[in-house]
Amino acid sequence: MKDKLILALVGMPGAGKSEAASYLEKKGIPFVRFGKITEEEVLKMKLPLTQTNERLAREKIRREEGMGVYAQRAKPKIKELLEKNNILTIDGLYSWEEFLILKKEFPSLLLIHIFAEPEIRYERLTKRSVRSLPIDEGFSRDAAELEKLNKGGPIALADYLIENDSEEISELYKKVDKLMLRLGVNYPKVESQ
């Protein structure tokens, strides 16, 4: 396994990025969630956490501080986690600029595209307990993320692809395990709680 490996999960909303990151965390691999930066900004704006307000915050942050801002803000946390771990996951890398900043700083960064067909993703978004989205707004969210967040580049250049169209979450976990095996990643020992 490469020393200090960073796995950045990329993909469109509802594809399963957060599910994969949570699964890997349960296996002992910590993750940095870029969405936390958005949530903190929404709260700073004194607004409720909704899809609309998160979109406003994401676009505001990038408009004011540049398209690479999430990577810049996350670098201290990434470095802190890498001091204690040989591997970590990033959930929510969006922009091309974020990718370039992190790839320069951390050459071992790999992009893993979690893919699901649009209709499946849109249906999943309606069922979320947090940040749910009406099915008819799925495409507009996709378009906004591609057009305003420069999201296409990291997806297009992904090093690996995990297809996640199954209704069974265990299928995603099996595919994540298969990729980790392919990458030579041994899950850290997780202490029982």
N, C-alpha and C. Protein backbone atom coordinates (compact mmCIF):
# COMPACT_ATOMS: atom_id res chain seq x y z
N MET A 1 0.85 -1.19 0.00
CA MET A 1 0.00 0.00 0.00
C MET A 1 0.88 1.24 0.00
N LYS A 2 0.47 2.25 -0.75
CA LYS A 2 1.19 3.52 -0.78
C LYS A 2 1.10 4.16 0.60
N ASP A 3 2.18 4.84 0.98
CA ASP A 3 2.19 5.53 2.26
C ASP A 3 1.26 6.73 2.20
N LYS A 4 0.49 6.95 3.25
CA LYS A 4 -0.37 8.12 3.40
C LYS A 4 -1.32 8.30 2.22
N LEU A 5 -2.11 7.31 1.97
CA LEU A 5 -3.05 7.30 0.86
C LEU A 5 -4.31 8.09 1.20
N ILE A 6 -4.74 8.93 0.25
CA ILE A 6 -5.99 9.69 0.40
C ILE A 6 -6.93 9.26 -0.70
N LEU A 7 -8.12 8.84 -0.32
CA LEU A 7 -9.15 8.42 -1.26
C LEU A 7 -10.24 9.48 -1.29
N ALA A 8 -10.34 10.22 -2.37
CA ALA A 8 -11.36 11.26 -2.50
C ALA A 8 -12.54 10.67 -3.26
N LEU A 9 -13.69 10.63 -2.61
CA LEU A 9 -14.90 10.09 -3.22
C LEU A 9 -15.60 11.21 -3.98
N VAL A 10 -15.81 10.99 -5.27
CA VAL A 10 -16.47 11.98 -6.11
C VAL A 10 -17.68 11.34 -6.78
N GLY A 11 -18.61 12.18 -7.20
CA GLY A 11 -19.81 11.68 -7.86
C GLY A 11 -20.95 12.66 -7.66
N MET A 12 -22.04 12.37 -8.29
CA MET A 12 -23.19 13.24 -8.24
C MET A 12 -24.02 12.97 -6.98
N PRO A 13 -24.92 13.90 -6.61
CA PRO A 13 -25.73 13.72 -5.40
C PRO A 13 -26.54 12.42 -5.44
N GLY A 14 -26.52 11.72 -4.33
CA GLY A 14 -27.30 10.49 -4.22
C GLY A 14 -26.61 9.25 -4.75
N ALA A 15 -25.36 9.39 -5.20
CA ALA A 15 -24.65 8.24 -5.77
C ALA A 15 -24.20 7.26 -4.69
N GLY A 16 -23.93 7.76 -3.47
CA GLY A 16 -23.50 6.87 -2.39
C GLY A 16 -22.15 7.22 -1.80
N LYS A 17 -21.65 8.42 -2.07
CA LYS A 17 -20.34 8.84 -1.55
C LYS A 17 -20.30 8.80 -0.03
N SER A 18 -21.30 9.38 0.61
CA SER A 18 -21.33 9.42 2.08
C SER A 18 -21.50 8.03 2.67
N GLU A 19 -22.27 7.19 1.99
CA GLU A 19 -22.43 5.79 2.45
C GLU A 19 -21.09 5.07 2.42
N ALA A 20 -20.34 5.27 1.33
CA ALA A 20 -19.03 4.62 1.21
C ALA A 20 -18.07 5.16 2.27
N ALA A 21 -18.08 6.48 2.50
CA ALA A 21 -17.20 7.08 3.50
C ALA A 21 -17.54 6.57 4.89
N SER A 22 -18.83 6.49 5.20
CA SER A 22 -19.25 5.99 6.53
C SER A 22 -18.86 4.53 6.72
N TYR A 23 -19.00 3.74 5.65
CA TYR A 23 -18.61 2.34 5.72
C TYR A 23 -17.11 2.21 6.00
N LEU A 24 -16.31 2.99 5.27
CA LEU A 24 -14.87 2.94 5.47
C LEU A 24 -14.49 3.42 6.88
N GLU A 25 -15.23 4.40 7.40
CA GLU A 25 -14.97 4.86 8.76
C GLU A 25 -15.21 3.73 9.76
N LYS A 26 -16.28 2.96 9.55
CA LYS A 26 -16.55 1.82 10.43
C LYS A 26 -15.44 0.78 10.35
N LYS A 27 -14.75 0.75 9.23
CA LYS A 27 -13.63 -0.17 9.05
C LYS A 27 -12.32 0.41 9.57
N GLY A 28 -12.38 1.62 10.15
CA GLY A 28 -11.20 2.21 10.76
C GLY A 28 -10.50 3.26 9.93
N ILE A 29 -11.09 3.66 8.81
CA ILE A 29 -10.48 4.68 7.96
C ILE A 29 -11.22 6.00 8.17
N PRO A 30 -10.57 6.99 8.76
CA PRO A 30 -11.26 8.26 9.03
C PRO A 30 -11.54 9.03 7.75
N PHE A 31 -12.48 9.98 7.85
CA PHE A 31 -12.76 10.79 6.67
C PHE A 31 -12.98 12.24 7.02
N VAL A 32 -12.70 13.08 6.03
CA VAL A 32 -12.96 14.51 6.10
C VAL A 32 -14.15 14.76 5.20
N ARG A 33 -15.18 15.39 5.75
CA ARG A 33 -16.40 15.66 4.98
C ARG A 33 -16.46 17.13 4.64
N PHE A 34 -16.28 17.44 3.34
CA PHE A 34 -16.32 18.82 2.90
C PHE A 34 -17.68 19.47 3.16
N GLY A 35 -18.73 18.67 3.20
CA GLY A 35 -20.07 19.20 3.46
C GLY A 35 -20.19 19.87 4.82
N LYS A 36 -19.32 19.51 5.74
CA LYS A 36 -19.34 20.14 7.07
C LYS A 36 -19.02 21.62 6.96
N ILE A 37 -18.15 21.98 6.02
CA ILE A 37 -17.81 23.39 5.79
C ILE A 37 -19.06 24.15 5.34
N THR A 38 -19.83 23.53 4.46
CA THR A 38 -21.08 24.15 3.98
C THR A 38 -22.05 24.33 5.14
N GLU A 39 -22.23 23.28 5.94
CA GLU A 39 -23.16 23.35 7.07
C GLU A 39 -22.77 24.45 8.04
N GLU A 40 -21.48 24.57 8.32
CA GLU A 40 -21.02 25.62 9.22
C GLU A 40 -21.33 27.00 8.66
N GLU A 41 -21.21 27.17 7.34
CA GLU A 41 -21.51 28.46 6.70
C GLU A 41 -23.00 28.77 6.77
N VAL A 42 -23.84 27.75 6.56
CA VAL A 42 -25.29 27.96 6.65
C VAL A 42 -25.66 28.43 8.06
N LEU A 43 -25.10 27.79 9.07
CA LEU A 43 -25.38 28.18 10.45
C LEU A 43 -24.85 29.58 10.75
N LYS A 44 -23.69 29.90 10.20
CA LYS A 44 -23.12 31.24 10.37
C LYS A 44 -24.04 32.29 9.75
N MET A 45 -24.73 31.92 8.66
CA MET A 45 -25.68 32.81 7.99
C MET A 45 -27.02 32.86 8.74
N LYS A 46 -27.11 32.07 9.84
CA LYS A 46 -28.32 31.99 10.67
C LYS A 46 -29.53 31.51 9.86
N LEU A 47 -29.30 30.48 9.04
CA LEU A 47 -30.35 29.89 8.22
C LEU A 47 -30.51 28.42 8.61
N PRO A 48 -31.70 27.86 8.38
CA PRO A 48 -31.86 26.42 8.64
C PRO A 48 -31.11 25.59 7.59
N LEU A 49 -30.72 24.38 7.99
CA LEU A 49 -30.03 23.49 7.07
C LEU A 49 -31.03 22.87 6.10
N THR A 50 -31.08 23.43 4.90
CA THR A 50 -31.93 22.90 3.83
C THR A 50 -31.08 22.81 2.57
N GLN A 51 -31.57 22.06 1.58
CA GLN A 51 -30.87 21.95 0.29
C GLN A 51 -30.63 23.33 -0.31
N THR A 52 -31.67 24.17 -0.29
CA THR A 52 -31.57 25.50 -0.89
C THR A 52 -30.52 26.34 -0.18
N ASN A 53 -30.53 26.33 1.14
CA ASN A 53 -29.57 27.13 1.90
C ASN A 53 -28.14 26.58 1.76
N GLU A 54 -28.01 25.27 1.65
CA GLU A 54 -26.69 24.69 1.43
C GLU A 54 -26.14 25.11 0.07
N ARG A 55 -27.00 25.11 -0.93
CA ARG A 55 -26.57 25.55 -2.26
C ARG A 55 -26.12 27.01 -2.22
N LEU A 56 -26.91 27.86 -1.54
CA LEU A 56 -26.53 29.27 -1.40
C LEU A 56 -25.17 29.41 -0.71
N ALA A 57 -24.97 28.65 0.35
CA ALA A 57 -23.71 28.73 1.10
C ALA A 57 -22.54 28.24 0.28
N ARG A 58 -22.69 27.09 -0.42
CA ARG A 58 -21.61 26.56 -1.26
C ARG A 58 -21.18 27.57 -2.30
N GLU A 59 -22.17 28.15 -2.97
CA GLU A 59 -21.87 29.11 -4.03
C GLU A 59 -21.28 30.39 -3.46
N LYS A 60 -21.77 30.83 -2.31
CA LYS A 60 -21.26 32.05 -1.66
C LYS A 60 -19.80 31.88 -1.26
N ILE A 61 -19.49 30.76 -0.60
CA ILE A 61 -18.12 30.49 -0.16
C ILE A 61 -17.17 30.52 -1.36
N ARG A 62 -17.54 29.84 -2.42
CA ARG A 62 -16.65 29.77 -3.58
C ARG A 62 -16.56 31.11 -4.32
N ARG A 63 -17.66 31.83 -4.37
CA ARG A 63 -17.65 33.14 -5.02
C ARG A 63 -16.72 34.10 -4.27
N GLU A 64 -16.76 34.05 -2.94
CA GLU A 64 -15.96 34.97 -2.12
C GLU A 64 -14.51 34.54 -1.95
N GLU A 65 -14.25 33.22 -1.90
CA GLU A 65 -12.90 32.76 -1.58
C GLU A 65 -12.25 31.91 -2.68
N GLY A 66 -12.96 31.68 -3.77
CA GLY A 66 -12.39 30.92 -4.88
C GLY A 66 -12.85 29.47 -4.90
N MET A 67 -12.68 28.86 -6.05
CA MET A 67 -13.17 27.50 -6.26
C MET A 67 -12.37 26.44 -5.49
N GLY A 68 -11.20 26.78 -5.00
CA GLY A 68 -10.41 25.82 -4.24
C GLY A 68 -10.53 25.95 -2.74
N VAL A 69 -11.47 26.78 -2.29
CA VAL A 69 -11.58 27.12 -0.87
C VAL A 69 -11.79 25.90 0.04
N TYR A 70 -12.58 24.95 -0.39
CA TYR A 70 -12.84 23.79 0.47
C TYR A 70 -11.56 23.00 0.72
N ALA A 71 -10.75 22.86 -0.31
CA ALA A 71 -9.48 22.16 -0.15
C ALA A 71 -8.57 22.94 0.80
N GLN A 72 -8.53 24.26 0.63
CA GLN A 72 -7.68 25.08 1.50
C GLN A 72 -8.13 24.96 2.96
N ARG A 73 -9.43 25.05 3.18
CA ARG A 73 -9.94 24.97 4.55
C ARG A 73 -9.76 23.58 5.16
N ALA A 74 -9.80 22.55 4.32
CA ALA A 74 -9.71 21.17 4.82
C ALA A 74 -8.28 20.69 5.02
N LYS A 75 -7.30 21.35 4.41
CA LYS A 75 -5.91 20.87 4.49
C LYS A 75 -5.42 20.65 5.92
N PRO A 76 -5.66 21.57 6.87
CA PRO A 76 -5.18 21.31 8.24
C PRO A 76 -5.75 20.02 8.84
N LYS A 77 -7.04 19.76 8.60
CA LYS A 77 -7.67 18.54 9.13
C LYS A 77 -7.09 17.30 8.44
N ILE A 78 -6.87 17.40 7.14
CA ILE A 78 -6.28 16.27 6.40
C ILE A 78 -4.89 15.96 6.95
N LYS A 79 -4.08 17.00 7.13
CA LYS A 79 -2.72 16.80 7.66
C LYS A 79 -2.76 16.21 9.06
N GLU A 80 -3.68 16.69 9.88
CA GLU A 80 -3.81 16.17 11.25
C GLU A 80 -4.14 14.68 11.23
N LEU A 81 -5.09 14.28 10.39
CA LEU A 81 -5.47 12.87 10.31
C LEU A 81 -4.35 12.01 9.75
N LEU A 82 -3.59 12.55 8.78
CA LEU A 82 -2.49 11.79 8.19
C LEU A 82 -1.33 11.59 9.15
N GLU A 83 -1.23 12.44 10.17
CA GLU A 83 -0.20 12.24 11.19
C GLU A 83 -0.44 10.96 11.98
N LYS A 84 -1.72 10.59 12.11
CA LYS A 84 -2.10 9.44 12.93
C LYS A 84 -2.50 8.21 12.10
N ASN A 85 -2.72 8.42 10.79
CA ASN A 85 -3.25 7.35 9.94
C ASN A 85 -2.48 7.30 8.62
N ASN A 86 -2.42 6.12 8.04
CA ASN A 86 -1.79 5.96 6.73
C ASN A 86 -2.77 6.14 5.58
N ILE A 87 -4.05 6.21 5.91
CA ILE A 87 -5.08 6.31 4.88
C ILE A 87 -6.25 7.12 5.44
N LEU A 88 -6.87 7.89 4.58
CA LEU A 88 -8.10 8.58 4.94
C LEU A 88 -8.93 8.80 3.69
N THR A 89 -10.18 9.14 3.92
CA THR A 89 -11.12 9.38 2.83
C THR A 89 -11.58 10.83 2.88
N ILE A 90 -11.81 11.39 1.72
CA ILE A 90 -12.44 12.71 1.61
C ILE A 90 -13.80 12.49 0.98
N ASP A 91 -14.83 12.95 1.66
CA ASP A 91 -16.20 12.86 1.16
C ASP A 91 -16.61 14.26 0.71
N GLY A 92 -16.85 14.42 -0.59
CA GLY A 92 -17.40 15.68 -1.07
C GLY A 92 -16.45 16.58 -1.82
N LEU A 93 -15.30 16.09 -2.28
CA LEU A 93 -14.47 16.90 -3.15
C LEU A 93 -15.28 17.18 -4.41
N TYR A 94 -15.46 18.45 -4.74
CA TYR A 94 -16.28 18.80 -5.88
C TYR A 94 -15.47 19.36 -7.03
N SER A 95 -14.80 20.49 -6.80
CA SER A 95 -14.28 21.27 -7.93
C SER A 95 -12.93 20.78 -8.43
N TRP A 96 -12.68 21.12 -9.69
CA TRP A 96 -11.40 20.85 -10.32
C TRP A 96 -10.28 21.53 -9.54
N GLU A 97 -10.54 22.76 -9.10
CA GLU A 97 -9.55 23.52 -8.35
C GLU A 97 -9.21 22.85 -7.02
N GLU A 98 -10.21 22.29 -6.34
CA GLU A 98 -9.96 21.55 -5.10
C GLU A 98 -9.04 20.36 -5.37
N PHE A 99 -9.35 19.66 -6.45
CA PHE A 99 -8.54 18.51 -6.82
C PHE A 99 -7.09 18.92 -7.07
N LEU A 100 -6.87 19.98 -7.85
CA LEU A 100 -5.50 20.41 -8.16
C LEU A 100 -4.73 20.80 -6.91
N ILE A 101 -5.37 21.51 -6.00
CA ILE A 101 -4.72 21.92 -4.75
C ILE A 101 -4.32 20.69 -3.94
N LEU A 102 -5.24 19.76 -3.79
CA LEU A 102 -4.95 18.59 -2.95
C LEU A 102 -3.96 17.63 -3.62
N LYS A 103 -4.05 17.49 -4.93
CA LYS A 103 -3.12 16.59 -5.63
C LYS A 103 -1.69 17.12 -5.54
N LYS A 104 -1.54 18.44 -5.60
CA LYS A 104 -0.20 19.03 -5.47
C LYS A 104 0.35 18.81 -4.05
N GLU A 105 -0.49 19.00 -3.07
CA GLU A 105 -0.08 18.85 -1.66
C GLU A 105 0.08 17.39 -1.26
N PHE A 106 -0.79 16.53 -1.80
CA PHE A 106 -0.81 15.11 -1.44
C PHE A 106 -0.80 14.27 -2.73
N PRO A 107 0.37 13.99 -3.28
CA PRO A 107 0.46 13.28 -4.57
C PRO A 107 -0.19 11.89 -4.57
N SER A 108 -0.36 11.29 -3.39
CA SER A 108 -0.96 9.95 -3.33
C SER A 108 -2.49 9.99 -3.39
N LEU A 109 -3.07 11.16 -3.58
CA LEU A 109 -4.53 11.30 -3.67
C LEU A 109 -5.06 10.50 -4.86
N LEU A 110 -6.08 9.70 -4.61
CA LEU A 110 -6.76 8.96 -5.66
C LEU A 110 -8.22 9.39 -5.69
N LEU A 111 -8.78 9.51 -6.89
CA LEU A 111 -10.19 9.83 -7.06
C LEU A 111 -10.98 8.56 -7.29
N ILE A 112 -12.02 8.36 -6.51
CA ILE A 112 -12.90 7.21 -6.67
C ILE A 112 -14.28 7.74 -7.00
N HIS A 113 -14.73 7.45 -8.20
CA HIS A 113 -16.05 7.91 -8.66
C HIS A 113 -17.10 6.89 -8.23
N ILE A 114 -18.00 7.32 -7.38
CA ILE A 114 -19.16 6.50 -7.02
C ILE A 114 -20.27 6.91 -7.99
N PHE A 115 -20.72 5.96 -8.80
CA PHE A 115 -21.68 6.25 -9.86
C PHE A 115 -23.00 5.53 -9.62
N ALA A 116 -24.09 6.24 -9.87
CA ALA A 116 -25.42 5.63 -9.92
C ALA A 116 -26.21 6.37 -11.01
N GLU A 117 -27.08 5.66 -11.66
CA GLU A 117 -27.91 6.26 -12.72
C GLU A 117 -28.75 7.40 -12.13
N PRO A 118 -29.00 8.44 -12.93
CA PRO A 118 -29.74 9.61 -12.41
C PRO A 118 -31.07 9.27 -11.76
N GLU A 119 -31.88 8.43 -12.39
CA GLU A 119 -33.20 8.13 -11.82
C GLU A 119 -33.07 7.48 -10.45
N ILE A 120 -32.08 6.64 -10.30
CA ILE A 120 -31.85 5.97 -9.02
C ILE A 120 -31.39 6.99 -7.98
N ARG A 121 -30.48 7.86 -8.38
CA ARG A 121 -29.99 8.89 -7.44
C ARG A 121 -31.12 9.82 -7.01
N TYR A 122 -31.94 10.24 -7.98
CA TYR A 122 -33.02 11.18 -7.64
C TYR A 122 -34.01 10.54 -6.66
N GLU A 123 -34.29 9.27 -6.87
CA GLU A 123 -35.18 8.56 -5.95
C GLU A 123 -34.55 8.48 -4.55
N ARG A 124 -33.26 8.21 -4.48
CA ARG A 124 -32.57 8.15 -3.19
C ARG A 124 -32.64 9.50 -2.48
N LEU A 125 -32.48 10.58 -3.24
CA LEU A 125 -32.50 11.91 -2.63
C LEU A 125 -33.84 12.22 -1.97
N THR A 126 -34.93 11.65 -2.50
CA THR A 126 -36.24 11.89 -1.89
C THR A 126 -36.38 11.18 -0.55
N LYS A 127 -35.60 10.12 -0.35
CA LYS A 127 -35.73 9.30 0.85
C LYS A 127 -34.75 9.66 1.96
N ARG A 128 -33.88 10.62 1.72
CA ARG A 128 -32.91 11.01 2.74
C ARG A 128 -33.62 11.59 3.95
N SER A 129 -33.14 11.21 5.13
CA SER A 129 -33.71 11.79 6.36
C SER A 129 -33.20 13.20 6.57
N VAL A 130 -32.02 13.49 6.03
CA VAL A 130 -31.42 14.83 6.12
C VAL A 130 -31.16 15.29 4.69
N ARG A 131 -31.47 16.54 4.39
CA ARG A 131 -31.22 17.13 3.09
C ARG A 131 -31.96 16.39 1.96
N SER A 132 -33.21 16.01 2.22
CA SER A 132 -33.98 15.35 1.15
C SER A 132 -34.30 16.37 0.07
N LEU A 133 -34.64 15.86 -1.10
CA LEU A 133 -34.88 16.71 -2.26
C LEU A 133 -36.02 16.11 -3.07
N PRO A 134 -37.00 16.93 -3.46
CA PRO A 134 -38.07 16.40 -4.31
C PRO A 134 -37.49 15.84 -5.61
N ILE A 135 -38.08 14.77 -6.11
CA ILE A 135 -37.53 14.07 -7.26
C ILE A 135 -37.39 14.98 -8.49
N ASP A 136 -38.30 15.93 -8.64
CA ASP A 136 -38.25 16.80 -9.81
C ASP A 136 -37.16 17.86 -9.73
N GLU A 137 -36.46 17.95 -8.58
CA GLU A 137 -35.36 18.92 -8.44
C GLU A 137 -33.99 18.27 -8.59
N GLY A 138 -33.95 16.96 -8.80
CA GLY A 138 -32.68 16.26 -8.92
C GLY A 138 -31.82 16.76 -10.06
N PHE A 139 -32.42 16.90 -11.23
CA PHE A 139 -31.64 17.35 -12.39
C PHE A 139 -31.12 18.77 -12.19
N SER A 140 -31.95 19.65 -11.62
CA SER A 140 -31.49 21.04 -11.44
C SER A 140 -30.32 21.10 -10.45
N ARG A 141 -30.32 20.21 -9.46
CA ARG A 141 -29.18 20.18 -8.53
C ARG A 141 -27.94 19.69 -9.27
N ASP A 142 -28.10 18.65 -10.08
CA ASP A 142 -26.97 18.15 -10.87
C ASP A 142 -26.40 19.28 -11.73
N ALA A 143 -27.28 19.97 -12.45
CA ALA A 143 -26.84 21.03 -13.36
C ALA A 143 -26.13 22.14 -12.59
N ALA A 144 -26.68 22.53 -11.45
CA ALA A 144 -26.05 23.60 -10.66
C ALA A 144 -24.66 23.18 -10.18
N GLU A 145 -24.51 21.93 -9.74
CA GLU A 145 -23.20 21.48 -9.27
C GLU A 145 -22.18 21.41 -10.40
N LEU A 146 -22.62 20.97 -11.58
CA LEU A 146 -21.70 20.90 -12.71
C LEU A 146 -21.32 22.29 -13.22
N GLU A 147 -22.32 23.17 -13.30
CA GLU A 147 -22.08 24.50 -13.87
C GLU A 147 -21.40 25.45 -12.91
N LYS A 148 -21.76 25.42 -11.64
CA LYS A 148 -21.27 26.42 -10.69
C LYS A 148 -20.16 25.94 -9.77
N LEU A 149 -19.94 24.63 -9.72
CA LEU A 149 -18.94 24.10 -8.80
C LEU A 149 -17.80 23.38 -9.51
N ASN A 150 -17.77 23.41 -10.83
CA ASN A 150 -16.69 22.77 -11.61
C ASN A 150 -16.51 21.30 -11.22
N LYS A 151 -17.61 20.60 -11.07
CA LYS A 151 -17.60 19.24 -10.53
C LYS A 151 -17.20 18.16 -11.55
N GLY A 152 -17.30 18.48 -12.83
CA GLY A 152 -17.10 17.45 -13.85
C GLY A 152 -15.68 16.91 -13.96
N GLY A 153 -14.67 17.78 -13.78
CA GLY A 153 -13.29 17.35 -13.97
C GLY A 153 -12.86 16.20 -13.08
N PRO A 154 -13.03 16.31 -11.76
CA PRO A 154 -12.62 15.18 -10.90
C PRO A 154 -13.38 13.89 -11.21
N ILE A 155 -14.63 14.00 -11.59
CA ILE A 155 -15.40 12.80 -11.95
C ILE A 155 -14.82 12.19 -13.22
N ALA A 156 -14.57 13.03 -14.22
CA ALA A 156 -14.06 12.54 -15.50
C ALA A 156 -12.69 11.89 -15.37
N LEU A 157 -11.85 12.39 -14.46
CA LEU A 157 -10.49 11.86 -14.32
C LEU A 157 -10.34 10.86 -13.18
N ALA A 158 -11.44 10.37 -12.67
CA ALA A 158 -11.37 9.44 -11.54
C ALA A 158 -10.46 8.26 -11.86
N ASP A 159 -9.70 7.86 -10.84
CA ASP A 159 -8.79 6.72 -10.99
C ASP A 159 -9.54 5.39 -10.97
N TYR A 160 -10.66 5.37 -10.24
CA TYR A 160 -11.44 4.15 -10.10
C TYR A 160 -12.92 4.48 -10.14
N LEU A 161 -13.73 3.49 -10.51
CA LEU A 161 -15.18 3.65 -10.59
C LEU A 161 -15.85 2.54 -9.79
N ILE A 162 -16.81 2.93 -8.97
CA ILE A 162 -17.66 1.97 -8.27
C ILE A 162 -19.09 2.27 -8.70
N GLU A 163 -19.72 1.32 -9.35
CA GLU A 163 -21.12 1.47 -9.78
C GLU A 163 -22.02 1.08 -8.61
N ASN A 164 -22.98 1.94 -8.30
CA ASN A 164 -23.84 1.75 -7.13
C ASN A 164 -25.32 1.91 -7.48
N ASP A 165 -25.82 1.06 -8.35
CA ASP A 165 -27.23 1.12 -8.73
C ASP A 165 -28.11 0.18 -7.92
N SER A 166 -27.52 -0.70 -7.14
CA SER A 166 -28.30 -1.69 -6.39
C SER A 166 -29.10 -1.03 -5.26
N GLU A 167 -30.25 -1.63 -4.96
CA GLU A 167 -31.04 -1.19 -3.82
C GLU A 167 -30.45 -1.72 -2.51
N GLU A 168 -29.60 -2.70 -2.61
CA GLU A 168 -28.99 -3.32 -1.44
C GLU A 168 -27.68 -2.62 -1.11
N ILE A 169 -27.62 -1.97 0.04
CA ILE A 169 -26.42 -1.24 0.44
C ILE A 169 -25.23 -2.18 0.59
N SER A 170 -25.50 -3.43 0.92
CA SER A 170 -24.42 -4.41 1.07
C SER A 170 -23.65 -4.60 -0.24
N GLU A 171 -24.30 -4.37 -1.38
CA GLU A 171 -23.62 -4.48 -2.67
C GLU A 171 -22.56 -3.39 -2.82
N LEU A 172 -22.88 -2.17 -2.36
CA LEU A 172 -21.90 -1.09 -2.38
C LEU A 172 -20.72 -1.47 -1.49
N TYR A 173 -21.00 -1.98 -0.31
CA TYR A 173 -19.93 -2.34 0.62
C TYR A 173 -19.01 -3.40 0.02
N LYS A 174 -19.58 -4.38 -0.67
CA LYS A 174 -18.77 -5.43 -1.30
C LYS A 174 -17.85 -4.83 -2.36
N LYS A 175 -18.37 -3.86 -3.11
CA LYS A 175 -17.56 -3.23 -4.16
C LYS A 175 -16.46 -2.36 -3.56
N VAL A 176 -16.76 -1.70 -2.45
CA VAL A 176 -15.74 -0.92 -1.76
C VAL A 176 -14.66 -1.86 -1.24
N ASP A 177 -15.05 -2.98 -0.63
CA ASP A 177 -14.07 -3.96 -0.14
C ASP A 177 -13.19 -4.48 -1.27
N LYS A 178 -13.81 -4.75 -2.41
CA LYS A 178 -13.07 -5.26 -3.57
C LYS A 178 -12.03 -4.24 -4.04
N LEU A 179 -12.41 -2.97 -4.08
CA LEU A 179 -11.46 -1.94 -4.49
C LEU A 179 -10.34 -1.80 -3.46
N MET A 180 -10.68 -1.84 -2.18
CA MET A 180 -9.64 -1.72 -1.15
C MET A 180 -8.64 -2.87 -1.27
N LEU A 181 -9.13 -4.06 -1.55
CA LEU A 181 -8.25 -5.22 -1.76
C LEU A 181 -7.35 -4.97 -2.97
N ARG A 182 -7.93 -4.46 -4.03
CA ARG A 182 -7.17 -4.14 -5.26
C ARG A 182 -6.09 -3.09 -4.99
N LEU A 183 -6.38 -2.14 -4.10
CA LEU A 183 -5.42 -1.10 -3.75
C LEU A 183 -4.40 -1.55 -2.71
N GLY A 184 -4.59 -2.75 -2.18
CA GLY A 184 -3.68 -3.26 -1.16
C GLY A 184 -3.92 -2.67 0.21
N VAL A 185 -5.14 -2.19 0.44
CA VAL A 185 -5.49 -1.58 1.73
C VAL A 185 -5.99 -2.65 2.68
N ASN A 186 -5.31 -2.75 3.81
CA ASN A 186 -5.80 -3.60 4.90
C ASN A 186 -6.51 -2.68 5.88
N TYR A 187 -7.73 -3.02 6.21
CA TYR A 187 -8.46 -2.19 7.14
C TYR A 187 -7.75 -2.18 8.49
N PRO A 188 -7.61 -0.99 9.08
CA PRO A 188 -7.02 -0.93 10.43
C PRO A 188 -7.88 -1.73 11.41
N LYS A 189 -7.26 -2.17 12.46
CA LYS A 189 -8.02 -2.87 13.50
C LYS A 189 -8.91 -1.86 14.21
N VAL A 190 -10.18 -2.21 14.33
CA VAL A 190 -11.13 -1.34 15.01
C VAL A 190 -11.46 -1.97 16.35
N GLU A 191 -11.29 -1.21 17.41
CA GLU A 191 -11.59 -1.73 18.74
C GLU A 191 -13.09 -1.87 18.92
N SER A 192 -13.51 -2.93 19.56
CA SER A 192 -14.94 -3.13 19.86
C SER A 192 -15.39 -2.11 20.86
N GLN A 193 -16.63 -1.67 20.69
CA GLN A 193 -17.16 -0.67 21.61
C GLN A 193 -18.12 -1.29 22.59
